[in-house]
Amino acid sequence: MLRQELQSHLDKVYPFSKIDTEHTLCGKVTIRFELGDDFENGSSERVNQATERALTIFNEIFEGSNDTLWVLIYEYQGEDIFTGSNEYLYQQFQTEKFKHFYNELELVNSSHFLEDQNGNEVFEKIKAKIIIGKLEKNEIKIKDIFCGIANREMGLEPIINQSIYFLTASAEKGFHMYDDRGCFIWSDIPGKIKDIYVRRNDWISDYTREDVDEFFK
């Protein structure tokens, strides 16, 4: 099953990363890039820059057009402050491919803690649809996905409400754009993403730069 296969890859490279706990998905070496910072909130210019920067970084971390990628999507249940149909994201994958994705409603761990009956702190459980696919990079309408993510808080459409991650088939490199503000890339060792660190250094977040620089000394 796709879910078990992906978790097996994660266990080998990032033992702390668990599919049922989104905030554990990261790498030993992580870089955060600024995306829409040069333009005003709500502007099409901000969305365009965020989309183009995300696309550039994505294409540089996943260089081959036929690279096989894992796609991991979290679709949290309940009311959302943002409007938009969840179907829009599904449409960015070929219909026949999407039919074969793992697609199940699960109880996952949020980033909030509760106290159990024994007084121990435990993660709050919430419902989320977990969607997992494995396909070639050129089978994904990636620019449309990034535009939908950038639109999320801008009052523009179309909107992608889900949280989506991309990883190489070996899970040794990953990418996540969280909104118009920024994206993360990560790997298990610095050398695998050093070229992007050098090439896109001006886009690195200032408040994380000192920590990031330590990886590449």
Foldseek 3Di string as FASTA:
>chain_A
DQQVLVLVLCCVQPVQDDLLEVVSPFEPAKFKFFFQVVDDFLDPSLLVRNLVVQVVLVCVLVVDQFFKKKKKKKAFDDDDPFDADQVVQVVQAPPVQQVPWQWDKDWGFYPDWDADPVRDTDGDTGIIIITMGIGTNNRGNRSVVSSQQQCGRNVDDDHHPMWMKMAGSSRQKIKGDRYSTIIMIHGHACVSCVVVCVVVVVRTDPVCVVVNVVRVD
